């Protein structure tokens, strides 16, 4: 079975996500701190600093969503599911994950359209980096979220279907 190589690939993906989060957050803190020091002490700043910080916020938000999604730590309202019987609770969780996957897939599709439109139009971004490259995290991030939640939904629905067999 392909569990070993797939598991290894997923582990590498998680490490890359974590490394990008750490690097992005560290870079954002350093750049923001430099901007503050330069503005307050020298009445100057880095001309490209603020646009880069805005892009870093976008990237970190998506990377943070990916990290939260992989560990199933997104914000949820779980009052009603706690009151349900275990089998129904697992099924509802599967449906919720399926809905999350569907919404993420739709957002990924339309974000991909945006990126392709900006690529075709040659819209400038920051310096030599075009806008489409700065926006690329949107379709990629939401597509990964869609896949993760689709897999999680399928697992929950399989578990709910097999719940009665375990008794």
Protein backbone atom coordinates (compact mmCIF):
# COMPACT_ATOMS: atom_id res chain seq x y z
CA UNK A 1 0.00 0.00 0.00
CA UNK A 2 1.11 3.59 -0.56
CA UNK A 3 0.62 4.62 3.06
CA UNK A 4 4.35 4.97 3.75
CA UNK A 5 5.24 7.25 0.81
CA UNK A 6 2.00 9.21 1.12
CA UNK A 7 2.53 9.67 4.84
CA UNK A 8 6.11 10.83 4.18
CA UNK A 9 4.94 13.29 1.53
CA UNK A 10 2.29 14.69 3.87
CA UNK A 11 4.89 15.04 6.63
CA UNK A 12 7.14 17.00 4.23
CA UNK A 13 4.20 19.23 3.24
CA UNK A 14 3.52 19.98 6.92
CA UNK A 15 7.16 20.87 7.50
CA UNK A 16 7.18 23.18 4.48
CA UNK A 17 4.02 24.89 5.75
CA UNK A 18 5.55 25.32 9.20
CA UNK A 19 8.82 26.64 7.76
CA UNK A 20 6.96 29.16 5.59
CA UNK A 21 4.92 30.28 8.59
CA UNK A 22 8.00 30.77 10.74
CA UNK A 23 9.95 32.53 7.98
CA UNK A 24 7.02 34.74 7.06
CA UNK A 25 6.24 35.71 10.62
CA UNK A 26 9.90 36.35 11.39
CA UNK A 27 10.29 38.44 8.25
CA UNK A 28 7.13 40.36 9.01
CA UNK A 29 8.26 41.14 12.55
CA UNK A 30 11.71 42.25 11.36
CA UNK A 31 10.34 44.40 8.54
CA UNK A 32 7.65 46.01 10.70
CA UNK A 33 10.20 46.69 13.46
CA UNK A 34 12.61 48.22 10.93
CA UNK A 35 9.83 50.43 9.59
CA UNK A 36 8.97 51.64 13.09
CA UNK A 37 12.59 52.38 13.97
CA UNK A 38 13.30 54.12 10.67
CA UNK A 39 10.16 56.26 10.87
CA UNK A 40 10.51 57.24 14.51
CA UNK A 41 14.26 57.80 14.68
CA UNK A 42 15.23 58.78 11.14
CA UNK A 43 11.98 60.12 9.60
CA UNK A 44 12.37 57.69 6.71
CA UNK A 45 11.35 54.14 5.91
CA UNK A 46 11.60 51.34 3.40
CA UNK A 47 9.56 52.34 0.35
CA UNK A 48 8.43 48.78 -0.39
CA UNK A 49 7.98 47.83 3.29
CA UNK A 50 4.27 48.48 3.70
CA UNK A 51 3.15 46.68 0.51
CA UNK A 52 5.32 43.69 1.43
CA UNK A 53 3.82 43.64 4.93
CA UNK A 54 0.31 43.55 3.44
CA UNK A 55 1.26 40.60 1.23
CA UNK A 56 2.88 38.83 4.18
CA UNK A 57 -0.34 39.23 6.18
CA UNK A 58 -2.26 37.56 3.33
CA UNK A 59 0.25 34.71 3.06
CA UNK A 60 0.42 34.18 6.82
CA UNK A 61 -3.37 34.15 7.10
CA UNK A 62 -3.62 31.39 4.49
CA UNK A 63 -0.67 29.44 5.89
CA UNK A 64 -2.20 29.74 9.37
CA UNK A 65 -5.52 28.48 8.01
CA UNK A 66 -3.69 25.52 6.47
CA UNK A 67 -1.98 24.73 9.77
CA UNK A 68 -5.26 25.01 11.66
CA UNK A 69 -7.02 22.90 9.03
CA UNK A 70 -4.48 20.10 9.08
CA UNK A 71 -4.91 19.73 12.85
CA UNK A 72 -8.70 20.33 12.70
CA UNK A 73 -8.36 23.36 14.98
CA UNK A 74 -10.55 25.83 13.13
CA UNK A 75 -13.15 27.71 15.13
CA UNK A 76 -16.33 25.67 15.40
CA UNK A 77 -19.66 25.93 17.14
CA UNK A 78 -20.00 22.58 18.80
CA UNK A 79 -22.90 23.07 21.20
CA UNK A 80 -25.42 21.12 19.11
CA UNK A 81 -23.09 18.27 18.10
CA UNK A 82 -22.26 17.62 21.76
CA UNK A 83 -25.92 16.92 22.42
CA UNK A 84 -26.23 14.41 19.58
CA UNK A 85 -25.70 10.65 19.81
CA UNK A 86 -22.14 9.63 18.87
CA UNK A 87 -22.99 8.17 15.44
CA UNK A 88 -25.02 11.24 14.45
CA UNK A 89 -22.32 13.52 15.85
CA UNK A 90 -19.70 11.90 13.60
CA UNK A 91 -22.04 12.14 10.59
CA UNK A 92 -22.77 15.82 11.25
CA UNK A 93 -19.05 16.45 11.59
CA UNK A 94 -18.54 14.74 8.23
CA UNK A 95 -21.21 16.90 6.61
CA UNK A 96 -19.66 20.03 8.13
CA UNK A 97 -16.25 19.04 6.81
CA UNK A 98 -17.82 18.35 3.41
CA UNK A 99 -19.41 21.80 3.35
CA UNK A 100 -16.07 23.35 4.33
CA UNK A 101 -14.38 21.43 1.51
CA UNK A 102 -16.99 22.61 -0.99
CA UNK A 103 -16.72 26.26 0.01
CA UNK A 104 -12.92 26.08 -0.01
CA UNK A 105 -13.03 24.49 -3.46
CA UNK A 106 -15.26 27.25 -4.83
CA UNK A 107 -12.99 29.93 -3.36
CA UNK A 108 -9.91 28.13 -4.79
CA UNK A 109 -11.52 28.04 -8.23
CA UNK A 110 -12.39 31.74 -8.26
CA UNK A 111 -9.05 32.71 -6.72
CA UNK A 112 -7.40 30.74 -9.52
CA UNK A 113 -9.42 32.71 -12.05
CA UNK A 114 -8.23 35.95 -10.41
CA UNK A 115 -4.59 34.85 -10.54
CA UNK A 116 -4.90 33.82 -14.21
CA UNK A 117 -6.61 37.10 -15.07
CA UNK A 118 -3.84 39.09 -13.38
CA UNK A 119 -1.23 36.94 -15.11
CA UNK A 120 -2.81 37.59 -18.51
CA UNK A 121 -3.19 41.30 -17.85
CA UNK A 122 0.38 41.66 -16.60
CA UNK A 123 -0.72 43.53 -13.49
CA UNK A 124 2.30 44.78 -11.55
CA UNK A 125 2.83 43.78 -7.96
CA UNK A 126 5.77 44.90 -5.84
CA UNK A 127 8.97 45.73 -7.65
CA UNK A 128 9.74 43.01 -10.18
CA UNK A 129 7.26 40.55 -8.60
CA UNK A 130 3.96 40.49 -10.53
CA UNK A 131 0.62 40.60 -8.73
CA UNK A 132 -0.31 37.06 -9.76
CA UNK A 133 2.72 35.65 -7.92
CA UNK A 134 1.79 37.53 -4.77
CA UNK A 135 -1.79 36.24 -5.01
CA UNK A 136 -0.82 32.64 -5.79
CA UNK A 137 -1.29 31.59 -2.16
CA UNK A 138 -5.06 32.08 -2.55
CA UNK A 139 -5.91 29.27 -5.00
CA UNK A 140 -3.17 26.99 -3.67
CA UNK A 141 -4.10 27.50 -0.01
CA UNK A 142 -7.84 27.06 -0.53
CA UNK A 143 -7.29 24.02 -2.79
CA UNK A 144 -5.20 22.35 -0.10
CA UNK A 145 -7.88 23.20 2.48
CA UNK A 146 -10.55 21.73 0.19
CA UNK A 147 -8.64 18.48 -0.22
CA UNK A 148 -7.91 18.20 3.51
CA UNK A 149 -11.52 18.73 4.48
CA UNK A 150 -12.82 16.42 1.74
CA UNK A 151 -10.57 13.64 3.04
CA UNK A 152 -11.64 14.38 6.61
CA UNK A 153 -15.32 14.42 5.57
CA UNK A 154 -15.01 11.05 3.86
CA UNK A 155 -13.34 9.60 6.95
CA UNK A 156 -16.08 10.89 9.24
CA UNK A 157 -18.86 9.63 7.01
CA UNK A 158 -17.16 6.22 6.72
CA UNK A 159 -16.80 6.13 10.51
CA UNK A 160 -20.46 7.07 10.99
CA UNK A 161 -21.57 4.34 8.59
CA UNK A 162 -19.42 1.76 10.35
CA UNK A 163 -20.31 2.96 13.85
CA UNK A 164 -22.99 0.34 14.36
CA UNK A 165 -20.59 -2.45 13.31
CA UNK A 166 -18.30 -1.77 16.27
CA UNK A 167 -20.87 -2.61 18.91
